[in-house]
Amino acid sequence: MSGTVDYREFTALVKYIGEWLNLFRTFDRDNSGTISNEELFNALSAFGLRVSPRVVDMVVNKVRILEGVKKSRNGPLGVSFDKFIYSCVMVKNLSESFQRADTDRDGWINMDMETFLLMNISNR
């Protein structure tokens, strides 16, 4: 919390990014340099994050908007490396937030809007 990064912290960061890059390359099955919706679905599933293809489509659309990318007429554009990390972390954080509220582990929760917003904003 010094506001600077020392050599040890820097090397740990480089290693961490390298691990993410290896994951990215593992799931970029077509070696396109981007992660398609299907590839992201497979990655999230491998990480134990059970989401539907519809959720993956929504995540990809969100990160494309963040990148300022429009949809292609020729099909999906894919997700870049940094947005792959963002997507995985976002889904993981939301899943963990849901699981904390799903105390009986039945896949259902009941809450009002304020509780939902507070729960998710506090985890960002």
N, C-alpha and C. Protein backbone atom coordinates (compact mmCIF):
# COMPACT_ATOMS: atom_id res chain seq x y z
N MET A 1 0.82 -1.20 0.00
CA MET A 1 0.00 0.00 0.00
C MET A 1 0.86 1.26 0.00
N SER A 2 2.05 1.17 -0.55
CA SER A 2 2.96 2.31 -0.56
C SER A 2 2.68 3.27 -1.71
N GLY A 3 1.90 2.82 -2.68
CA GLY A 3 1.66 3.66 -3.85
C GLY A 3 2.69 3.44 -4.95
N THR A 4 3.64 2.57 -4.68
CA THR A 4 4.65 2.21 -5.67
C THR A 4 4.71 0.69 -5.79
N VAL A 5 5.38 0.22 -6.83
CA VAL A 5 5.54 -1.21 -7.05
C VAL A 5 7.03 -1.51 -6.98
N ASP A 6 7.42 -2.36 -6.03
CA ASP A 6 8.83 -2.73 -5.96
C ASP A 6 9.09 -3.90 -6.92
N TYR A 7 10.35 -4.30 -7.01
CA TYR A 7 10.73 -5.34 -7.96
C TYR A 7 9.99 -6.65 -7.70
N ARG A 8 9.88 -7.05 -6.45
CA ARG A 8 9.18 -8.29 -6.09
C ARG A 8 7.72 -8.23 -6.53
N GLU A 9 7.06 -7.12 -6.27
CA GLU A 9 5.66 -6.95 -6.67
C GLU A 9 5.53 -6.95 -8.19
N PHE A 10 6.48 -6.31 -8.87
CA PHE A 10 6.45 -6.25 -10.33
C PHE A 10 6.60 -7.64 -10.93
N THR A 11 7.56 -8.42 -10.42
CA THR A 11 7.75 -9.77 -10.96
C THR A 11 6.54 -10.66 -10.69
N ALA A 12 5.90 -10.47 -9.54
CA ALA A 12 4.68 -11.23 -9.24
C ALA A 12 3.57 -10.84 -10.21
N LEU A 13 3.46 -9.56 -10.53
CA LEU A 13 2.45 -9.09 -11.48
C LEU A 13 2.71 -9.66 -12.87
N VAL A 14 3.95 -9.64 -13.30
CA VAL A 14 4.30 -10.18 -14.62
C VAL A 14 3.96 -11.67 -14.67
N LYS A 15 4.25 -12.40 -13.61
CA LYS A 15 3.92 -13.83 -13.54
C LYS A 15 2.41 -14.03 -13.61
N TYR A 16 1.67 -13.23 -12.87
CA TYR A 16 0.20 -13.32 -12.84
C TYR A 16 -0.37 -13.05 -14.23
N ILE A 17 0.11 -12.03 -14.90
CA ILE A 17 -0.37 -11.72 -16.25
C ILE A 17 0.00 -12.85 -17.21
N GLY A 18 1.19 -13.43 -17.03
CA GLY A 18 1.60 -14.57 -17.86
C GLY A 18 0.68 -15.76 -17.70
N GLU A 19 0.25 -16.00 -16.45
CA GLU A 19 -0.69 -17.09 -16.21
C GLU A 19 -2.02 -16.84 -16.92
N TRP A 20 -2.49 -15.60 -16.86
CA TRP A 20 -3.73 -15.26 -17.58
C TRP A 20 -3.55 -15.43 -19.08
N LEU A 21 -2.38 -15.05 -19.60
CA LEU A 21 -2.11 -15.18 -21.03
C LEU A 21 -2.11 -16.65 -21.44
N ASN A 22 -1.54 -17.51 -20.62
CA ASN A 22 -1.57 -18.94 -20.92
C ASN A 22 -3.00 -19.47 -20.96
N LEU A 23 -3.84 -19.01 -19.99
CA LEU A 23 -5.25 -19.41 -20.02
C LEU A 23 -5.93 -18.92 -21.29
N PHE A 24 -5.67 -17.67 -21.63
CA PHE A 24 -6.25 -17.08 -22.84
C PHE A 24 -5.89 -17.93 -24.05
N ARG A 25 -4.62 -18.27 -24.18
CA ARG A 25 -4.17 -19.07 -25.33
C ARG A 25 -4.77 -20.47 -25.31
N THR A 26 -4.96 -21.03 -24.12
CA THR A 26 -5.57 -22.36 -24.00
C THR A 26 -6.99 -22.36 -24.55
N PHE A 27 -7.74 -21.31 -24.26
CA PHE A 27 -9.14 -21.29 -24.67
C PHE A 27 -9.36 -20.65 -26.04
N ASP A 28 -8.36 -19.99 -26.59
CA ASP A 28 -8.42 -19.45 -27.95
C ASP A 28 -8.09 -20.58 -28.92
N ARG A 29 -9.03 -21.51 -29.03
CA ARG A 29 -8.81 -22.76 -29.77
C ARG A 29 -8.49 -22.54 -31.25
N ASP A 30 -9.04 -21.48 -31.83
CA ASP A 30 -8.79 -21.23 -33.25
C ASP A 30 -7.59 -20.32 -33.47
N ASN A 31 -6.89 -19.97 -32.39
CA ASN A 31 -5.69 -19.12 -32.46
C ASN A 31 -5.94 -17.80 -33.19
N SER A 32 -7.12 -17.24 -32.99
CA SER A 32 -7.48 -15.99 -33.66
C SER A 32 -6.93 -14.76 -32.94
N GLY A 33 -6.47 -14.95 -31.70
CA GLY A 33 -6.02 -13.81 -30.91
C GLY A 33 -7.14 -13.14 -30.15
N THR A 34 -8.34 -13.70 -30.29
CA THR A 34 -9.50 -13.24 -29.54
C THR A 34 -10.26 -14.46 -29.04
N ILE A 35 -11.09 -14.23 -28.04
CA ILE A 35 -11.91 -15.30 -27.47
C ILE A 35 -13.34 -15.10 -27.97
N SER A 36 -13.86 -16.10 -28.67
CA SER A 36 -15.24 -16.04 -29.15
C SER A 36 -16.19 -16.32 -28.00
N ASN A 37 -17.46 -16.11 -28.24
CA ASN A 37 -18.47 -16.40 -27.22
C ASN A 37 -18.38 -17.86 -26.78
N GLU A 38 -18.26 -18.76 -27.73
CA GLU A 38 -18.18 -20.19 -27.40
C GLU A 38 -16.92 -20.49 -26.58
N GLU A 39 -15.81 -19.89 -26.97
CA GLU A 39 -14.56 -20.10 -26.23
C GLU A 39 -14.65 -19.53 -24.81
N LEU A 40 -15.30 -18.38 -24.66
CA LEU A 40 -15.49 -17.81 -23.33
C LEU A 40 -16.40 -18.70 -22.50
N PHE A 41 -17.45 -19.21 -23.10
CA PHE A 41 -18.34 -20.15 -22.40
C PHE A 41 -17.54 -21.35 -21.90
N ASN A 42 -16.68 -21.90 -22.75
CA ASN A 42 -15.87 -23.05 -22.36
C ASN A 42 -14.89 -22.70 -21.23
N ALA A 43 -14.31 -21.50 -21.30
CA ALA A 43 -13.38 -21.06 -20.25
C ALA A 43 -14.11 -20.92 -18.92
N LEU A 44 -15.23 -20.24 -18.92
CA LEU A 44 -15.99 -20.05 -17.68
C LEU A 44 -16.44 -21.38 -17.10
N SER A 45 -16.86 -22.29 -17.96
CA SER A 45 -17.27 -23.63 -17.50
C SER A 45 -16.08 -24.36 -16.88
N ALA A 46 -14.92 -24.27 -17.50
CA ALA A 46 -13.72 -24.91 -16.96
C ALA A 46 -13.33 -24.33 -15.61
N PHE A 47 -13.64 -23.05 -15.39
CA PHE A 47 -13.35 -22.41 -14.11
C PHE A 47 -14.42 -22.72 -13.06
N GLY A 48 -15.42 -23.53 -13.45
CA GLY A 48 -16.49 -23.89 -12.51
C GLY A 48 -17.60 -22.86 -12.43
N LEU A 49 -17.62 -21.93 -13.36
CA LEU A 49 -18.65 -20.88 -13.38
C LEU A 49 -19.72 -21.30 -14.37
N ARG A 50 -20.81 -21.82 -13.86
CA ARG A 50 -21.88 -22.35 -14.69
C ARG A 50 -22.84 -21.24 -15.09
N VAL A 51 -22.67 -20.76 -16.31
CA VAL A 51 -23.55 -19.73 -16.85
C VAL A 51 -24.06 -20.19 -18.20
N SER A 52 -25.16 -19.63 -18.62
CA SER A 52 -25.76 -20.01 -19.89
C SER A 52 -25.07 -19.28 -21.05
N PRO A 53 -25.22 -19.80 -22.26
CA PRO A 53 -24.71 -19.07 -23.42
C PRO A 53 -25.31 -17.66 -23.54
N ARG A 54 -26.55 -17.51 -23.08
CA ARG A 54 -27.19 -16.18 -23.11
C ARG A 54 -26.43 -15.20 -22.22
N VAL A 55 -26.01 -15.65 -21.04
CA VAL A 55 -25.23 -14.79 -20.14
C VAL A 55 -23.89 -14.46 -20.79
N VAL A 56 -23.25 -15.44 -21.40
CA VAL A 56 -21.97 -15.20 -22.08
C VAL A 56 -22.15 -14.16 -23.18
N ASP A 57 -23.22 -14.27 -23.96
CA ASP A 57 -23.49 -13.28 -25.01
C ASP A 57 -23.61 -11.89 -24.42
N MET A 58 -24.29 -11.78 -23.29
CA MET A 58 -24.46 -10.48 -22.65
C MET A 58 -23.12 -9.93 -22.14
N VAL A 59 -22.30 -10.79 -21.57
CA VAL A 59 -20.98 -10.38 -21.09
C VAL A 59 -20.14 -9.88 -22.26
N VAL A 60 -20.14 -10.64 -23.34
CA VAL A 60 -19.35 -10.25 -24.52
C VAL A 60 -19.84 -8.92 -25.08
N ASN A 61 -21.16 -8.74 -25.15
CA ASN A 61 -21.69 -7.47 -25.63
C ASN A 61 -21.27 -6.32 -24.73
N LYS A 62 -21.26 -6.56 -23.42
CA LYS A 62 -20.85 -5.52 -22.48
C LYS A 62 -19.39 -5.13 -22.69
N VAL A 63 -18.52 -6.12 -22.81
CA VAL A 63 -17.10 -5.77 -22.97
C VAL A 63 -16.81 -5.18 -24.34
N ARG A 64 -17.58 -5.55 -25.34
CA ARG A 64 -17.40 -4.92 -26.65
C ARG A 64 -17.77 -3.45 -26.58
N ILE A 65 -18.83 -3.13 -25.83
CA ILE A 65 -19.21 -1.73 -25.65
C ILE A 65 -18.10 -0.98 -24.92
N LEU A 66 -17.51 -1.62 -23.89
CA LEU A 66 -16.40 -1.00 -23.16
C LEU A 66 -15.21 -0.74 -24.07
N GLU A 67 -15.00 -1.62 -25.05
CA GLU A 67 -13.91 -1.44 -25.99
C GLU A 67 -14.26 -0.48 -27.12
N GLY A 68 -15.53 -0.09 -27.19
CA GLY A 68 -15.96 0.78 -28.28
C GLY A 68 -16.08 0.05 -29.60
N VAL A 69 -16.34 -1.26 -29.54
CA VAL A 69 -16.42 -2.09 -30.73
C VAL A 69 -17.87 -2.37 -31.06
N LYS A 70 -18.20 -2.23 -32.32
CA LYS A 70 -19.54 -2.55 -32.79
C LYS A 70 -19.57 -4.00 -33.27
N LYS A 71 -20.76 -4.54 -33.42
CA LYS A 71 -20.90 -5.90 -33.94
C LYS A 71 -20.49 -5.93 -35.40
N SER A 72 -19.89 -7.03 -35.80
CA SER A 72 -19.47 -7.22 -37.17
C SER A 72 -20.62 -7.79 -37.99
N ARG A 73 -20.68 -7.44 -39.24
CA ARG A 73 -21.70 -8.03 -40.12
C ARG A 73 -21.37 -9.49 -40.42
N ASN A 74 -20.09 -9.84 -40.26
CA ASN A 74 -19.63 -11.19 -40.59
C ASN A 74 -19.59 -12.12 -39.38
N GLY A 75 -20.23 -11.74 -38.29
CA GLY A 75 -20.26 -12.60 -37.11
C GLY A 75 -19.51 -11.98 -35.95
N PRO A 76 -19.29 -12.76 -34.91
CA PRO A 76 -18.68 -12.24 -33.70
C PRO A 76 -17.25 -11.77 -33.92
N LEU A 77 -16.87 -10.75 -33.19
CA LEU A 77 -15.52 -10.22 -33.28
C LEU A 77 -14.59 -10.86 -32.27
N GLY A 78 -15.12 -11.37 -31.21
CA GLY A 78 -14.30 -11.95 -30.16
C GLY A 78 -13.94 -10.92 -29.11
N VAL A 79 -13.30 -11.41 -28.05
CA VAL A 79 -12.93 -10.60 -26.90
C VAL A 79 -11.41 -10.57 -26.82
N SER A 80 -10.86 -9.39 -26.62
CA SER A 80 -9.41 -9.24 -26.51
C SER A 80 -8.90 -9.82 -25.19
N PHE A 81 -7.59 -9.95 -25.05
CA PHE A 81 -6.98 -10.54 -23.86
C PHE A 81 -7.39 -9.81 -22.59
N ASP A 82 -7.29 -8.48 -22.57
CA ASP A 82 -7.63 -7.75 -21.34
C ASP A 82 -9.11 -7.86 -21.02
N LYS A 83 -9.97 -7.89 -22.04
CA LYS A 83 -11.40 -8.03 -21.78
C LYS A 83 -11.76 -9.47 -21.41
N PHE A 84 -10.94 -10.43 -21.81
CA PHE A 84 -11.11 -11.81 -21.36
C PHE A 84 -10.93 -11.86 -19.84
N ILE A 85 -9.87 -11.23 -19.35
CA ILE A 85 -9.63 -11.19 -17.91
C ILE A 85 -10.80 -10.48 -17.22
N TYR A 86 -11.18 -9.33 -17.75
CA TYR A 86 -12.30 -8.57 -17.17
C TYR A 86 -13.57 -9.42 -17.11
N SER A 87 -13.87 -10.13 -18.20
CA SER A 87 -15.08 -10.96 -18.27
C SER A 87 -15.05 -12.05 -17.23
N CYS A 88 -13.95 -12.75 -17.13
CA CYS A 88 -13.84 -13.85 -16.17
C CYS A 88 -13.96 -13.34 -14.74
N VAL A 89 -13.29 -12.25 -14.43
CA VAL A 89 -13.33 -11.70 -13.08
C VAL A 89 -14.74 -11.19 -12.76
N MET A 90 -15.38 -10.54 -13.72
CA MET A 90 -16.73 -10.02 -13.50
C MET A 90 -17.70 -11.16 -13.19
N VAL A 91 -17.69 -12.21 -14.01
CA VAL A 91 -18.61 -13.33 -13.79
C VAL A 91 -18.28 -14.03 -12.46
N LYS A 92 -17.00 -14.17 -12.15
CA LYS A 92 -16.61 -14.79 -10.88
C LYS A 92 -17.12 -13.97 -9.70
N ASN A 93 -16.93 -12.65 -9.74
CA ASN A 93 -17.38 -11.79 -8.64
C ASN A 93 -18.90 -11.82 -8.48
N LEU A 94 -19.62 -11.76 -9.59
CA LEU A 94 -21.08 -11.82 -9.51
C LEU A 94 -21.55 -13.17 -9.01
N SER A 95 -20.90 -14.24 -9.45
CA SER A 95 -21.26 -15.58 -8.98
C SER A 95 -21.02 -15.72 -7.49
N GLU A 96 -19.90 -15.22 -7.01
CA GLU A 96 -19.61 -15.29 -5.58
C GLU A 96 -20.60 -14.45 -4.78
N SER A 97 -20.98 -13.31 -5.31
CA SER A 97 -21.96 -12.46 -4.66
C SER A 97 -23.29 -13.19 -4.54
N PHE A 98 -23.70 -13.85 -5.61
CA PHE A 98 -24.94 -14.63 -5.59
C PHE A 98 -24.84 -15.76 -4.58
N GLN A 99 -23.74 -16.47 -4.59
CA GLN A 99 -23.58 -17.61 -3.69
C GLN A 99 -23.63 -17.21 -2.22
N ARG A 100 -23.12 -16.03 -1.90
CA ARG A 100 -23.21 -15.55 -0.51
C ARG A 100 -24.67 -15.35 -0.10
N ALA A 101 -25.52 -14.94 -1.04
CA ALA A 101 -26.93 -14.72 -0.73
C ALA A 101 -27.75 -16.01 -0.81
N ASP A 102 -27.25 -17.01 -1.53
CA ASP A 102 -27.95 -18.28 -1.71
C ASP A 102 -27.57 -19.22 -0.56
N THR A 103 -28.07 -18.90 0.63
CA THR A 103 -27.65 -19.61 1.84
C THR A 103 -28.06 -21.08 1.86
N ASP A 104 -29.15 -21.43 1.17
CA ASP A 104 -29.55 -22.84 1.16
C ASP A 104 -29.03 -23.58 -0.08
N ARG A 105 -28.25 -22.89 -0.91
CA ARG A 105 -27.58 -23.47 -2.08
C ARG A 105 -28.52 -24.16 -3.06
N ASP A 106 -29.70 -23.56 -3.27
CA ASP A 106 -30.66 -24.14 -4.22
C ASP A 106 -30.67 -23.42 -5.56
N GLY A 107 -29.79 -22.43 -5.71
CA GLY A 107 -29.73 -21.69 -6.98
C GLY A 107 -30.75 -20.58 -7.11
N TRP A 108 -31.43 -20.26 -6.01
CA TRP A 108 -32.45 -19.21 -6.01
C TRP A 108 -32.22 -18.28 -4.83
N ILE A 109 -32.43 -16.98 -5.06
CA ILE A 109 -32.40 -16.01 -3.98
C ILE A 109 -33.58 -15.06 -4.14
N ASN A 110 -34.00 -14.47 -3.05
CA ASN A 110 -35.10 -13.52 -3.07
C ASN A 110 -34.62 -12.27 -2.36
N MET A 111 -34.60 -11.15 -3.09
CA MET A 111 -34.16 -9.90 -2.47
C MET A 111 -34.76 -8.71 -3.19
N ASP A 112 -34.77 -7.60 -2.50
CA ASP A 112 -35.26 -6.37 -3.13
C ASP A 112 -34.13 -5.70 -3.90
N MET A 113 -34.47 -4.69 -4.68
CA MET A 113 -33.52 -4.01 -5.54
C MET A 113 -32.37 -3.39 -4.75
N GLU A 114 -32.67 -2.76 -3.64
CA GLU A 114 -31.62 -2.11 -2.86
C GLU A 114 -30.60 -3.12 -2.35
N THR A 115 -31.07 -4.24 -1.87
CA THR A 115 -30.16 -5.28 -1.38
C THR A 115 -29.27 -5.77 -2.51
N PHE A 116 -29.86 -6.00 -3.68
CA PHE A 116 -29.10 -6.44 -4.85
C PHE A 116 -28.02 -5.43 -5.20
N LEU A 117 -28.40 -4.16 -5.28
CA LEU A 117 -27.43 -3.12 -5.65
C LEU A 117 -26.32 -3.00 -4.60
N LEU A 118 -26.70 -2.97 -3.35
CA LEU A 118 -25.70 -2.86 -2.27
C LEU A 118 -24.74 -4.04 -2.28
N MET A 119 -25.28 -5.22 -2.49
CA MET A 119 -24.47 -6.44 -2.52
C MET A 119 -23.45 -6.38 -3.65
N ASN A 120 -23.85 -5.92 -4.80
CA ASN A 120 -22.97 -5.91 -5.96
C ASN A 120 -22.05 -4.70 -6.01
N ILE A 121 -22.51 -3.57 -5.57
CA ILE A 121 -21.65 -2.39 -5.57
C ILE A 121 -20.54 -2.55 -4.53
N SER A 122 -20.85 -3.16 -3.41
CA SER A 122 -19.86 -3.32 -2.36
C SER A 122 -18.75 -4.28 -2.76
N ASN A 123 -18.99 -5.11 -3.76
CA ASN A 123 -17.99 -6.09 -4.20
C ASN A 123 -17.15 -5.60 -5.37
N ARG A 124 -17.26 -4.38 -5.73
CA ARG A 124 -16.52 -3.87 -6.88
C ARG A 124 -15.32 -3.08 -6.43
